[in-house]
Amino acid sequence: MTRLLICLPLLAGCAEDYTPLSFVARENKIIVTGTIDHTSLSAFEEVIAQNPGARTLVLQNIEGSVDDDANVIFGRVVRAEGFDTVVPSNGLVASGGTDLFLAGNRRTLQPGACVGVHSWAGGGFTAAELPEDHPEHDRYLDYFRDIGVDEDFYWFTLDAASAEDMHWMTAGEANRFDMTTQPVQRLGSADICDAR
């Protein structure tokens, strides 16, 4: 997780310093690990074509995205295809990975899962510094509306941590924003999530 946080403010300079998403089918599940980029959707479409019975994405370790436009397009396809999303007890989603998790039709955070959020920065903008009516927010607000997530969650993420940091959500926060189909009992602590 530390490597990605170092890259966040300088994504252009770190463009090659990440591992794109990989998809491994197991029974009716697809295990997903890596960072979301412009290749994620085509790789996803390939694996679901080969595994038409799979309807659950197990998000094992999704540190974020290096392409926000690709991320929201990918998330909309996950929702449209009717996939459920799960973060296992030893799993982690952060930043764009959290946005992908929220695209699931049914969403499960197993006890001990790590869920990270923060503000975004890019294109000369720092989200938390922009007025709420600024058009740069629209890409994210439209995405959350499309997948049925209250826009209050978006504003929460901007205040939770700066673009250079990460806030690891508590079970109470996840329940407050109805992030899961069933209430969350326990999420990973900040120490565990930072180490993971």
N, C-alpha and C. Protein backbone atom coordinates (compact mmCIF):
# COMPACT_ATOMS: atom_id res chain seq x y z
N MET A 1 0.82 -1.19 0.00
CA MET A 1 0.00 0.00 0.00
C MET A 1 0.86 1.25 0.00
N THR A 2 1.99 1.22 0.68
CA THR A 2 2.86 2.38 0.76
C THR A 2 3.35 2.81 -0.61
N ARG A 3 3.70 1.85 -1.47
CA ARG A 3 4.20 2.18 -2.81
C ARG A 3 3.18 2.99 -3.59
N LEU A 4 1.89 2.61 -3.53
CA LEU A 4 0.88 3.33 -4.26
C LEU A 4 0.67 4.72 -3.69
N LEU A 5 0.71 4.85 -2.37
CA LEU A 5 0.53 6.18 -1.77
C LEU A 5 1.63 7.13 -2.20
N ILE A 6 2.85 6.64 -2.34
CA ILE A 6 3.94 7.48 -2.80
C ILE A 6 3.68 7.92 -4.24
N CYS A 7 3.09 7.05 -5.04
CA CYS A 7 2.84 7.36 -6.44
C CYS A 7 1.64 8.28 -6.65
N LEU A 8 0.70 8.31 -5.72
CA LEU A 8 -0.53 9.05 -5.96
C LEU A 8 -0.31 10.48 -6.41
N PRO A 9 0.52 11.28 -5.77
CA PRO A 9 0.67 12.66 -6.23
C PRO A 9 1.39 12.77 -7.57
N LEU A 10 2.09 11.74 -7.98
CA LEU A 10 2.91 11.80 -9.18
C LEU A 10 2.58 10.65 -10.13
N LEU A 11 1.30 10.43 -10.39
CA LEU A 11 0.90 9.25 -11.15
C LEU A 11 1.61 9.15 -12.50
N ALA A 12 1.81 10.26 -13.15
CA ALA A 12 2.47 10.20 -14.45
C ALA A 12 3.87 9.62 -14.33
N GLY A 13 4.58 9.98 -13.28
CA GLY A 13 5.93 9.49 -13.09
C GLY A 13 5.97 8.06 -12.60
N CYS A 14 4.87 7.56 -12.09
CA CYS A 14 4.83 6.20 -11.55
C CYS A 14 4.03 5.27 -12.46
N ALA A 15 3.74 5.72 -13.66
CA ALA A 15 2.82 4.99 -14.54
C ALA A 15 3.23 3.53 -14.72
N GLU A 16 4.52 3.25 -14.71
CA GLU A 16 4.97 1.87 -14.91
C GLU A 16 5.17 1.13 -13.60
N ASP A 17 4.97 1.78 -12.46
CA ASP A 17 5.27 1.19 -11.16
C ASP A 17 4.01 0.63 -10.49
N TYR A 18 3.29 -0.19 -11.23
CA TYR A 18 2.11 -0.85 -10.66
C TYR A 18 1.86 -2.13 -11.44
N THR A 19 1.05 -2.99 -10.86
CA THR A 19 0.67 -4.23 -11.52
C THR A 19 -0.79 -4.13 -11.94
N PRO A 20 -1.09 -4.20 -13.24
CA PRO A 20 -2.49 -4.13 -13.69
C PRO A 20 -3.31 -5.27 -13.08
N LEU A 21 -4.62 -5.08 -13.07
CA LEU A 21 -5.51 -6.11 -12.53
C LEU A 21 -5.28 -7.46 -13.20
N SER A 22 -5.30 -8.49 -12.36
CA SER A 22 -5.31 -9.85 -12.88
C SER A 22 -6.59 -10.53 -12.37
N PHE A 23 -7.11 -11.42 -13.18
CA PHE A 23 -8.37 -12.11 -12.90
C PHE A 23 -8.12 -13.61 -12.96
N VAL A 24 -8.46 -14.31 -11.87
CA VAL A 24 -8.31 -15.76 -11.83
C VAL A 24 -9.66 -16.37 -11.47
N ALA A 25 -10.20 -17.19 -12.36
CA ALA A 25 -11.50 -17.82 -12.12
C ALA A 25 -11.34 -19.05 -11.26
N ARG A 26 -12.21 -19.16 -10.25
CA ARG A 26 -12.27 -20.35 -9.39
C ARG A 26 -13.74 -20.65 -9.14
N GLU A 27 -14.21 -21.76 -9.70
CA GLU A 27 -15.62 -22.15 -9.61
C GLU A 27 -16.48 -21.01 -10.15
N ASN A 28 -17.39 -20.46 -9.32
CA ASN A 28 -18.26 -19.38 -9.82
C ASN A 28 -17.78 -18.00 -9.37
N LYS A 29 -16.51 -17.92 -8.98
CA LYS A 29 -15.94 -16.65 -8.51
C LYS A 29 -14.75 -16.26 -9.37
N ILE A 30 -14.48 -14.97 -9.40
CA ILE A 30 -13.29 -14.45 -10.07
C ILE A 30 -12.49 -13.66 -9.04
N ILE A 31 -11.26 -14.10 -8.79
CA ILE A 31 -10.37 -13.45 -7.82
C ILE A 31 -9.64 -12.33 -8.55
N VAL A 32 -9.67 -11.12 -7.97
CA VAL A 32 -9.10 -9.95 -8.62
C VAL A 32 -8.02 -9.33 -7.74
N THR A 33 -6.87 -9.03 -8.35
CA THR A 33 -5.75 -8.41 -7.63
C THR A 33 -5.07 -7.43 -8.58
N GLY A 34 -4.58 -6.32 -8.02
CA GLY A 34 -3.80 -5.37 -8.81
C GLY A 34 -4.37 -3.97 -8.78
N THR A 35 -3.98 -3.19 -9.78
CA THR A 35 -4.37 -1.79 -9.88
C THR A 35 -5.19 -1.60 -11.15
N ILE A 36 -6.28 -0.85 -11.04
CA ILE A 36 -7.18 -0.62 -12.17
C ILE A 36 -6.53 0.36 -13.14
N ASP A 37 -6.56 -0.01 -14.43
CA ASP A 37 -6.04 0.88 -15.46
C ASP A 37 -6.87 0.71 -16.74
N HIS A 38 -6.39 1.23 -17.84
CA HIS A 38 -7.14 1.20 -19.10
C HIS A 38 -7.30 -0.21 -19.67
N THR A 39 -6.55 -1.19 -19.17
CA THR A 39 -6.66 -2.57 -19.66
C THR A 39 -7.65 -3.41 -18.84
N SER A 40 -8.14 -2.88 -17.73
CA SER A 40 -8.94 -3.69 -16.79
C SER A 40 -10.23 -4.20 -17.41
N LEU A 41 -10.94 -3.35 -18.11
CA LEU A 41 -12.23 -3.76 -18.66
C LEU A 41 -12.08 -4.86 -19.69
N SER A 42 -11.12 -4.74 -20.59
CA SER A 42 -10.97 -5.78 -21.61
C SER A 42 -10.53 -7.10 -20.98
N ALA A 43 -9.67 -7.05 -19.96
CA ALA A 43 -9.26 -8.28 -19.27
C ALA A 43 -10.45 -8.91 -18.55
N PHE A 44 -11.30 -8.09 -17.95
CA PHE A 44 -12.51 -8.56 -17.28
C PHE A 44 -13.46 -9.21 -18.28
N GLU A 45 -13.68 -8.56 -19.41
CA GLU A 45 -14.59 -9.10 -20.41
C GLU A 45 -14.09 -10.44 -20.95
N GLU A 46 -12.78 -10.58 -21.07
CA GLU A 46 -12.19 -11.84 -21.54
C GLU A 46 -12.44 -12.97 -20.53
N VAL A 47 -12.23 -12.69 -19.25
CA VAL A 47 -12.39 -13.74 -18.25
C VAL A 47 -13.86 -14.11 -18.07
N ILE A 48 -14.77 -13.17 -18.18
CA ILE A 48 -16.19 -13.55 -18.02
C ILE A 48 -16.71 -14.28 -19.26
N ALA A 49 -16.13 -13.99 -20.42
CA ALA A 49 -16.51 -14.75 -21.62
C ALA A 49 -16.09 -16.21 -21.48
N GLN A 50 -14.97 -16.45 -20.82
CA GLN A 50 -14.47 -17.81 -20.61
C GLN A 50 -15.13 -18.50 -19.42
N ASN A 51 -15.77 -17.72 -18.55
CA ASN A 51 -16.38 -18.26 -17.32
C ASN A 51 -17.77 -17.66 -17.14
N PRO A 52 -18.71 -18.00 -18.02
CA PRO A 52 -20.03 -17.35 -18.01
C PRO A 52 -20.84 -17.61 -16.74
N GLY A 53 -20.50 -18.62 -15.97
CA GLY A 53 -21.23 -18.90 -14.73
C GLY A 53 -20.76 -18.08 -13.55
N ALA A 54 -19.63 -17.41 -13.68
CA ALA A 54 -19.09 -16.62 -12.57
C ALA A 54 -19.91 -15.35 -12.39
N ARG A 55 -20.30 -15.08 -11.16
CA ARG A 55 -21.07 -13.88 -10.87
C ARG A 55 -20.62 -13.17 -9.60
N THR A 56 -19.44 -13.54 -9.09
CA THR A 56 -18.90 -12.89 -7.89
C THR A 56 -17.46 -12.49 -8.14
N LEU A 57 -17.16 -11.23 -7.85
CA LEU A 57 -15.78 -10.76 -7.89
C LEU A 57 -15.25 -10.72 -6.47
N VAL A 58 -14.19 -11.47 -6.22
CA VAL A 58 -13.52 -11.45 -4.92
C VAL A 58 -12.35 -10.48 -5.07
N LEU A 59 -12.48 -9.33 -4.45
CA LEU A 59 -11.47 -8.28 -4.56
C LEU A 59 -10.41 -8.53 -3.49
N GLN A 60 -9.38 -9.26 -3.87
CA GLN A 60 -8.36 -9.69 -2.92
C GLN A 60 -7.46 -8.53 -2.49
N ASN A 61 -6.98 -7.78 -3.47
CA ASN A 61 -6.09 -6.66 -3.14
C ASN A 61 -6.13 -5.68 -4.31
N ILE A 62 -6.96 -4.64 -4.17
CA ILE A 62 -7.10 -3.62 -5.21
C ILE A 62 -6.69 -2.29 -4.58
N GLU A 63 -5.43 -1.90 -4.80
CA GLU A 63 -4.89 -0.70 -4.15
C GLU A 63 -5.44 0.59 -4.72
N GLY A 64 -6.00 0.56 -5.90
CA GLY A 64 -6.55 1.78 -6.47
C GLY A 64 -6.55 1.75 -7.97
N SER A 65 -6.54 2.95 -8.55
CA SER A 65 -6.63 3.12 -9.99
C SER A 65 -5.61 4.14 -10.44
N VAL A 66 -5.06 3.92 -11.63
CA VAL A 66 -4.22 4.95 -12.25
C VAL A 66 -4.97 5.65 -13.37
N ASP A 67 -6.25 5.30 -13.55
CA ASP A 67 -7.08 5.90 -14.61
C ASP A 67 -8.51 5.96 -14.10
N ASP A 68 -8.92 7.13 -13.59
CA ASP A 68 -10.25 7.26 -12.99
C ASP A 68 -11.37 7.07 -14.01
N ASP A 69 -11.15 7.54 -15.25
CA ASP A 69 -12.19 7.35 -16.26
C ASP A 69 -12.40 5.86 -16.54
N ALA A 70 -11.29 5.12 -16.68
CA ALA A 70 -11.40 3.67 -16.91
C ALA A 70 -12.07 3.00 -15.72
N ASN A 71 -11.80 3.48 -14.52
CA ASN A 71 -12.36 2.88 -13.32
C ASN A 71 -13.88 3.00 -13.28
N VAL A 72 -14.41 4.20 -13.57
CA VAL A 72 -15.87 4.36 -13.50
C VAL A 72 -16.57 3.61 -14.63
N ILE A 73 -15.93 3.51 -15.79
CA ILE A 73 -16.50 2.71 -16.88
C ILE A 73 -16.53 1.24 -16.48
N PHE A 74 -15.43 0.75 -15.94
CA PHE A 74 -15.33 -0.64 -15.49
C PHE A 74 -16.38 -0.92 -14.42
N GLY A 75 -16.50 -0.04 -13.44
CA GLY A 75 -17.48 -0.23 -12.37
C GLY A 75 -18.90 -0.30 -12.89
N ARG A 76 -19.23 0.54 -13.85
CA ARG A 76 -20.58 0.51 -14.42
C ARG A 76 -20.85 -0.83 -15.12
N VAL A 77 -19.84 -1.39 -15.78
CA VAL A 77 -20.01 -2.69 -16.45
C VAL A 77 -20.21 -3.79 -15.41
N VAL A 78 -19.45 -3.75 -14.32
CA VAL A 78 -19.62 -4.73 -13.24
C VAL A 78 -21.05 -4.68 -12.73
N ARG A 79 -21.57 -3.47 -12.53
CA ARG A 79 -22.96 -3.34 -12.05
C ARG A 79 -23.94 -3.85 -13.10
N ALA A 80 -23.77 -3.45 -14.35
CA ALA A 80 -24.69 -3.84 -15.42
C ALA A 80 -24.71 -5.35 -15.63
N GLU A 81 -23.56 -6.00 -15.44
CA GLU A 81 -23.47 -7.45 -15.61
C GLU A 81 -24.02 -8.22 -14.41
N GLY A 82 -24.38 -7.51 -13.34
CA GLY A 82 -25.00 -8.15 -12.18
C GLY A 82 -24.05 -8.88 -11.26
N PHE A 83 -22.79 -8.46 -11.23
CA PHE A 83 -21.81 -9.12 -10.36
C PHE A 83 -21.98 -8.69 -8.91
N ASP A 84 -21.73 -9.64 -8.00
CA ASP A 84 -21.60 -9.35 -6.58
C ASP A 84 -20.13 -9.09 -6.30
N THR A 85 -19.84 -8.33 -5.26
CA THR A 85 -18.45 -8.06 -4.88
C THR A 85 -18.23 -8.46 -3.43
N VAL A 86 -17.05 -9.01 -3.18
CA VAL A 86 -16.66 -9.46 -1.84
C VAL A 86 -15.23 -9.02 -1.60
N VAL A 87 -14.97 -8.46 -0.42
CA VAL A 87 -13.59 -8.28 0.04
C VAL A 87 -13.39 -9.28 1.16
N PRO A 88 -12.49 -10.26 0.97
CA PRO A 88 -12.31 -11.30 1.99
C PRO A 88 -11.65 -10.74 3.25
N SER A 89 -11.65 -11.54 4.29
CA SER A 89 -11.11 -11.08 5.58
C SER A 89 -9.65 -10.69 5.50
N ASN A 90 -8.90 -11.26 4.56
CA ASN A 90 -7.49 -10.90 4.40
C ASN A 90 -7.29 -9.99 3.18
N GLY A 91 -8.38 -9.39 2.69
CA GLY A 91 -8.33 -8.58 1.49
C GLY A 91 -8.28 -7.09 1.77
N LEU A 92 -8.07 -6.33 0.68
CA LEU A 92 -7.93 -4.88 0.79
C LEU A 92 -8.45 -4.23 -0.49
N VAL A 93 -9.28 -3.20 -0.31
CA VAL A 93 -9.63 -2.29 -1.39
C VAL A 93 -9.34 -0.88 -0.90
N ALA A 94 -8.85 -0.04 -1.80
CA ALA A 94 -8.56 1.34 -1.43
C ALA A 94 -8.78 2.23 -2.64
N SER A 95 -9.16 3.46 -2.39
CA SER A 95 -9.31 4.47 -3.43
C SER A 95 -10.23 3.95 -4.53
N GLY A 96 -9.75 3.85 -5.76
CA GLY A 96 -10.57 3.34 -6.85
C GLY A 96 -11.02 1.91 -6.64
N GLY A 97 -10.28 1.13 -5.85
CA GLY A 97 -10.70 -0.23 -5.51
C GLY A 97 -11.97 -0.23 -4.69
N THR A 98 -12.10 0.76 -3.80
CA THR A 98 -13.33 0.90 -3.01
C THR A 98 -14.49 1.26 -3.93
N ASP A 99 -14.24 2.16 -4.89
CA ASP A 99 -15.29 2.51 -5.86
C ASP A 99 -15.73 1.28 -6.65
N LEU A 100 -14.79 0.42 -7.01
CA LEU A 100 -15.12 -0.80 -7.73
C LEU A 100 -15.95 -1.73 -6.84
N PHE A 101 -15.56 -1.89 -5.59
CA PHE A 101 -16.33 -2.72 -4.66
C PHE A 101 -17.79 -2.28 -4.62
N LEU A 102 -18.02 -0.97 -4.59
CA LEU A 102 -19.37 -0.43 -4.48
C LEU A 102 -20.23 -0.69 -5.71
N ALA A 103 -19.61 -1.09 -6.82
CA ALA A 103 -20.38 -1.40 -8.03
C ALA A 103 -21.11 -2.73 -7.92
N GLY A 104 -20.77 -3.54 -6.95
CA GLY A 104 -21.39 -4.86 -6.82
C GLY A 104 -22.88 -4.79 -6.57
N ASN A 105 -23.60 -5.76 -7.12
CA ASN A 105 -25.04 -5.85 -6.91
C ASN A 105 -25.31 -6.17 -5.44
N ARG A 106 -24.67 -7.22 -4.93
CA ARG A 106 -24.64 -7.51 -3.50
C ARG A 106 -23.19 -7.35 -3.07
N ARG A 107 -22.99 -6.69 -1.94
CA ARG A 107 -21.62 -6.35 -1.51
C ARG A 107 -21.38 -6.90 -0.10
N THR A 108 -20.22 -7.57 0.04
CA THR A 108 -19.87 -8.18 1.33
C THR A 108 -18.46 -7.78 1.72
N LEU A 109 -18.31 -7.27 2.93
CA LEU A 109 -17.00 -7.03 3.55
C LEU A 109 -16.86 -8.05 4.67
N GLN A 110 -16.01 -9.04 4.48
CA GLN A 110 -15.83 -10.04 5.52
C GLN A 110 -15.08 -9.45 6.71
N PRO A 111 -15.26 -10.00 7.91
CA PRO A 111 -14.59 -9.46 9.09
C PRO A 111 -13.08 -9.37 8.89
N GLY A 112 -12.52 -8.19 9.13
CA GLY A 112 -11.10 -7.99 8.98
C GLY A 112 -10.69 -7.38 7.65
N ALA A 113 -11.62 -7.25 6.71
CA ALA A 113 -11.31 -6.63 5.42
C ALA A 113 -10.86 -5.19 5.62
N CYS A 114 -10.03 -4.70 4.71
CA CYS A 114 -9.55 -3.32 4.75
C CYS A 114 -10.20 -2.52 3.63
N VAL A 115 -10.73 -1.35 4.00
CA VAL A 115 -11.41 -0.47 3.04
C VAL A 115 -10.85 0.93 3.21
N GLY A 116 -10.13 1.41 2.19
CA GLY A 116 -9.49 2.71 2.27
C GLY A 116 -10.12 3.73 1.35
N VAL A 117 -10.21 4.97 1.86
CA VAL A 117 -10.74 6.09 1.07
C VAL A 117 -9.87 7.31 1.29
N HIS A 118 -9.92 8.21 0.32
CA HIS A 118 -9.22 9.48 0.44
C HIS A 118 -9.71 10.43 -0.64
N SER A 119 -9.25 11.67 -0.58
CA SER A 119 -9.56 12.64 -1.61
C SER A 119 -8.76 12.28 -2.86
N TRP A 120 -9.15 12.80 -3.99
CA TRP A 120 -8.38 12.60 -5.21
C TRP A 120 -7.69 13.91 -5.60
N ALA A 121 -6.67 13.76 -6.38
CA ALA A 121 -5.96 14.92 -6.93
C ALA A 121 -5.48 14.54 -8.31
N GLY A 122 -5.49 15.48 -9.21
CA GLY A 122 -5.01 15.22 -10.56
C GLY A 122 -5.47 16.29 -11.52
N GLY A 123 -4.77 16.41 -12.63
CA GLY A 123 -5.13 17.41 -13.62
C GLY A 123 -5.05 18.82 -13.10
N GLY A 124 -4.20 19.03 -12.09
CA GLY A 124 -4.09 20.36 -11.51
C GLY A 124 -5.13 20.66 -10.44
N PHE A 125 -5.95 19.66 -10.10
CA PHE A 125 -7.00 19.86 -9.11
C PHE A 125 -6.74 19.01 -7.87
N THR A 126 -7.15 19.53 -6.72
CA THR A 126 -7.24 18.77 -5.48
C THR A 126 -8.71 18.81 -5.09
N ALA A 127 -9.35 17.65 -5.08
CA ALA A 127 -10.81 17.59 -4.95
C ALA A 127 -11.34 18.32 -3.73
N ALA A 128 -10.69 18.12 -2.59
CA ALA A 128 -11.20 18.72 -1.35
C ALA A 128 -11.16 20.24 -1.37
N GLU A 129 -10.37 20.81 -2.27
CA GLU A 129 -10.27 22.27 -2.35
C GLU A 129 -11.24 22.88 -3.34
N LEU A 130 -11.92 22.04 -4.12
CA LEU A 130 -12.87 22.55 -5.12
C LEU A 130 -14.23 22.80 -4.48
N PRO A 131 -14.96 23.83 -4.93
CA PRO A 131 -16.32 24.02 -4.42
C PRO A 131 -17.20 22.84 -4.84
N GLU A 132 -18.25 22.58 -4.08
CA GLU A 132 -19.08 21.40 -4.33
C GLU A 132 -19.75 21.42 -5.70
N ASP A 133 -19.95 22.60 -6.28
CA ASP A 133 -20.60 22.68 -7.59
C ASP A 133 -19.60 22.66 -8.75
N HIS A 134 -18.34 22.39 -8.46
CA HIS A 134 -17.33 22.36 -9.51
C HIS A 134 -17.55 21.14 -10.41
N PRO A 135 -17.47 21.32 -11.74
CA PRO A 135 -17.74 20.19 -12.66
C PRO A 135 -16.78 19.02 -12.54
N GLU A 136 -15.60 19.20 -11.94
CA GLU A 136 -14.67 18.07 -11.77
C GLU A 136 -15.23 16.99 -10.85
N HIS A 137 -16.21 17.35 -10.01
CA HIS A 137 -16.83 16.36 -9.13
C HIS A 137 -17.81 15.46 -9.89
N ASP A 138 -18.29 15.94 -11.04
CA ASP A 138 -19.41 15.27 -11.71
C ASP A 138 -19.13 13.82 -12.09
N ARG A 139 -17.90 13.53 -12.55
CA ARG A 139 -17.57 12.16 -12.97
C ARG A 139 -17.84 11.18 -11.83
N TYR A 140 -17.49 11.56 -10.60
CA TYR A 140 -17.65 10.68 -9.44
C TYR A 140 -19.09 10.68 -8.93
N LEU A 141 -19.70 11.86 -8.87
CA LEU A 141 -21.08 11.93 -8.42
C LEU A 141 -22.00 11.17 -9.36
N ASP A 142 -21.79 11.32 -10.67
CA ASP A 142 -22.61 10.59 -11.64
C ASP A 142 -22.41 9.08 -11.48
N TYR A 143 -21.16 8.66 -11.26
CA TYR A 143 -20.88 7.24 -11.07
C TYR A 143 -21.61 6.70 -9.85
N PHE A 144 -21.50 7.39 -8.72
CA PHE A 144 -22.16 6.90 -7.51
C PHE A 144 -23.67 6.86 -7.68
N ARG A 145 -24.24 7.85 -8.36
CA ARG A 145 -25.68 7.81 -8.63
C ARG A 145 -26.03 6.58 -9.47
N ASP A 146 -25.23 6.33 -10.51
CA ASP A 146 -25.50 5.21 -11.42
C ASP A 146 -25.44 3.86 -10.72
N ILE A 147 -24.59 3.73 -9.70
CA ILE A 147 -24.49 2.43 -9.01
C ILE A 147 -25.30 2.41 -7.71
N GLY A 148 -26.05 3.48 -7.44
CA GLY A 148 -26.96 3.49 -6.29
C GLY A 148 -26.31 3.79 -4.96
N VAL A 149 -25.21 4.57 -4.97
CA VAL A 149 -24.53 4.94 -3.73
C VAL A 149 -24.83 6.41 -3.43
N ASP A 150 -25.20 6.69 -2.20
CA ASP A 150 -25.52 8.06 -1.79
C ASP A 150 -24.31 8.96 -1.99
N GLU A 151 -24.54 10.13 -2.57
CA GLU A 151 -23.42 11.05 -2.83
C GLU A 151 -22.75 11.53 -1.55
N ASP A 152 -23.41 11.38 -0.41
CA ASP A 152 -22.75 11.75 0.86
C ASP A 152 -21.47 10.95 1.06
N PHE A 153 -21.44 9.73 0.52
CA PHE A 153 -20.22 8.93 0.63
C PHE A 153 -19.06 9.60 -0.10
N TYR A 154 -19.32 10.15 -1.26
CA TYR A 154 -18.27 10.85 -2.01
C TYR A 154 -17.70 12.01 -1.21
N TRP A 155 -18.56 12.83 -0.64
CA TRP A 155 -18.07 13.98 0.14
C TRP A 155 -17.31 13.51 1.38
N PHE A 156 -17.74 12.40 1.97
CA PHE A 156 -17.02 11.82 3.10
C PHE A 156 -15.60 11.46 2.70
N THR A 157 -15.42 10.84 1.53
CA THR A 157 -14.08 10.41 1.12
C THR A 157 -13.14 11.60 0.96
N LEU A 158 -13.66 12.72 0.49
CA LEU A 158 -12.82 13.90 0.28
C LEU A 158 -12.31 14.47 1.60
N ASP A 159 -13.13 14.36 2.64
CA ASP A 159 -12.75 14.88 3.95
C ASP A 159 -11.98 13.87 4.79
N ALA A 160 -12.07 12.60 4.46
CA ALA A 160 -11.50 11.54 5.29
C ALA A 160 -9.98 11.56 5.33
N ALA A 161 -9.36 11.86 4.19
CA ALA A 161 -7.89 11.88 4.11
C ALA A 161 -7.49 12.65 2.86
N SER A 162 -6.30 13.21 2.89
CA SER A 162 -5.79 13.92 1.72
C SER A 162 -5.44 12.91 0.63
N ALA A 163 -5.16 13.40 -0.56
CA ALA A 163 -4.80 12.53 -1.68
C ALA A 163 -3.51 11.76 -1.41
N GLU A 164 -2.66 12.27 -0.54
CA GLU A 164 -1.39 11.61 -0.24
C GLU A 164 -1.49 10.63 0.92
N ASP A 165 -2.68 10.52 1.51
CA ASP A 165 -2.86 9.68 2.69
C ASP A 165 -4.02 8.72 2.43
N MET A 166 -4.33 7.88 3.40
CA MET A 166 -5.44 6.93 3.28
C MET A 166 -6.15 6.83 4.62
N HIS A 167 -7.48 6.86 4.58
CA HIS A 167 -8.29 6.63 5.78
C HIS A 167 -8.85 5.22 5.68
N TRP A 168 -8.57 4.40 6.68
CA TRP A 168 -9.11 3.04 6.72
C TRP A 168 -10.43 3.08 7.46
N MET A 169 -11.48 2.72 6.78
CA MET A 169 -12.83 2.86 7.32
C MET A 169 -13.10 1.89 8.46
N THR A 170 -13.94 2.34 9.37
CA THR A 170 -14.42 1.50 10.45
C THR A 170 -15.71 0.82 10.02
N ALA A 171 -16.10 -0.21 10.76
CA ALA A 171 -17.37 -0.87 10.48
C ALA A 171 -18.52 0.12 10.62
N GLY A 172 -18.45 0.99 11.61
CA GLY A 172 -19.50 2.00 11.80
C GLY A 172 -19.64 2.91 10.60
N GLU A 173 -18.52 3.32 10.03
CA GLU A 173 -18.57 4.18 8.84
C GLU A 173 -19.14 3.42 7.64
N ALA A 174 -18.71 2.18 7.46
CA ALA A 174 -19.23 1.38 6.34
C ALA A 174 -20.73 1.18 6.47
N ASN A 175 -21.20 0.94 7.69
CA ASN A 175 -22.64 0.77 7.90
C ASN A 175 -23.39 2.08 7.70
N ARG A 176 -22.79 3.18 8.10
CA ARG A 176 -23.42 4.50 7.93
C ARG A 176 -23.74 4.79 6.47
N PHE A 177 -22.88 4.34 5.57
CA PHE A 177 -23.07 4.61 4.14
C PHE A 177 -23.64 3.40 3.39
N ASP A 178 -24.16 2.41 4.12
CA ASP A 178 -24.78 1.22 3.50
C ASP A 178 -23.88 0.63 2.42
N MET A 179 -22.61 0.47 2.75
CA MET A 179 -21.66 -0.05 1.77
C MET A 179 -21.88 -1.52 1.46
N THR A 180 -22.53 -2.24 2.36
CA THR A 180 -22.71 -3.67 2.19
C THR A 180 -24.18 -4.04 2.23
N THR A 181 -24.48 -5.23 1.72
CA THR A 181 -25.85 -5.71 1.71
C THR A 181 -26.30 -6.05 3.13
N GLN A 182 -25.41 -6.64 3.92
CA GLN A 182 -25.66 -6.92 5.34
C GLN A 182 -24.70 -6.06 6.17
N PRO A 183 -25.10 -5.64 7.37
CA PRO A 183 -24.21 -4.80 8.17
C PRO A 183 -22.84 -5.44 8.40
N VAL A 184 -21.83 -4.60 8.45
CA VAL A 184 -20.45 -5.03 8.69
C VAL A 184 -20.24 -5.18 10.18
N GLN A 185 -19.59 -6.26 10.59
CA GLN A 185 -19.33 -6.47 12.01
C GLN A 185 -17.98 -5.87 12.44
N ARG A 186 -16.96 -6.04 11.59
CA ARG A 186 -15.62 -5.60 11.97
C ARG A 186 -14.77 -5.46 10.72
N LEU A 187 -14.01 -4.37 10.65
CA LEU A 187 -13.06 -4.18 9.55
C LEU A 187 -11.64 -4.17 10.12
N GLY A 188 -10.66 -4.29 9.23
CA GLY A 188 -9.27 -4.29 9.67
C GLY A 188 -8.87 -2.95 10.27
N SER A 189 -8.00 -2.99 11.25
CA SER A 189 -7.51 -1.77 11.88
C SER A 189 -6.53 -1.07 10.95
N ALA A 190 -6.27 0.20 11.22
CA ALA A 190 -5.33 0.97 10.41
C ALA A 190 -3.97 0.32 10.36
N ASP A 191 -3.48 -0.19 11.50
CA ASP A 191 -2.17 -0.84 11.53
C ASP A 191 -2.12 -2.06 10.63
N ILE A 192 -3.16 -2.88 10.71
CA ILE A 192 -3.22 -4.08 9.87
C ILE A 192 -3.29 -3.69 8.40
N CYS A 193 -4.14 -2.73 8.10
CA CYS A 193 -4.34 -2.33 6.69
C CYS A 193 -3.08 -1.69 6.11
N ASP A 194 -2.39 -0.86 6.89
CA ASP A 194 -1.14 -0.26 6.41
C ASP A 194 -0.10 -1.34 6.10
N ALA A 195 -0.07 -2.37 6.92
CA ALA A 195 0.90 -3.45 6.72
C ALA A 195 0.51 -4.36 5.56
N ARG A 196 -0.77 -4.46 5.30
CA ARG A 196 -1.26 -5.38 4.26
C ARG A 196 -0.91 -4.84 2.89
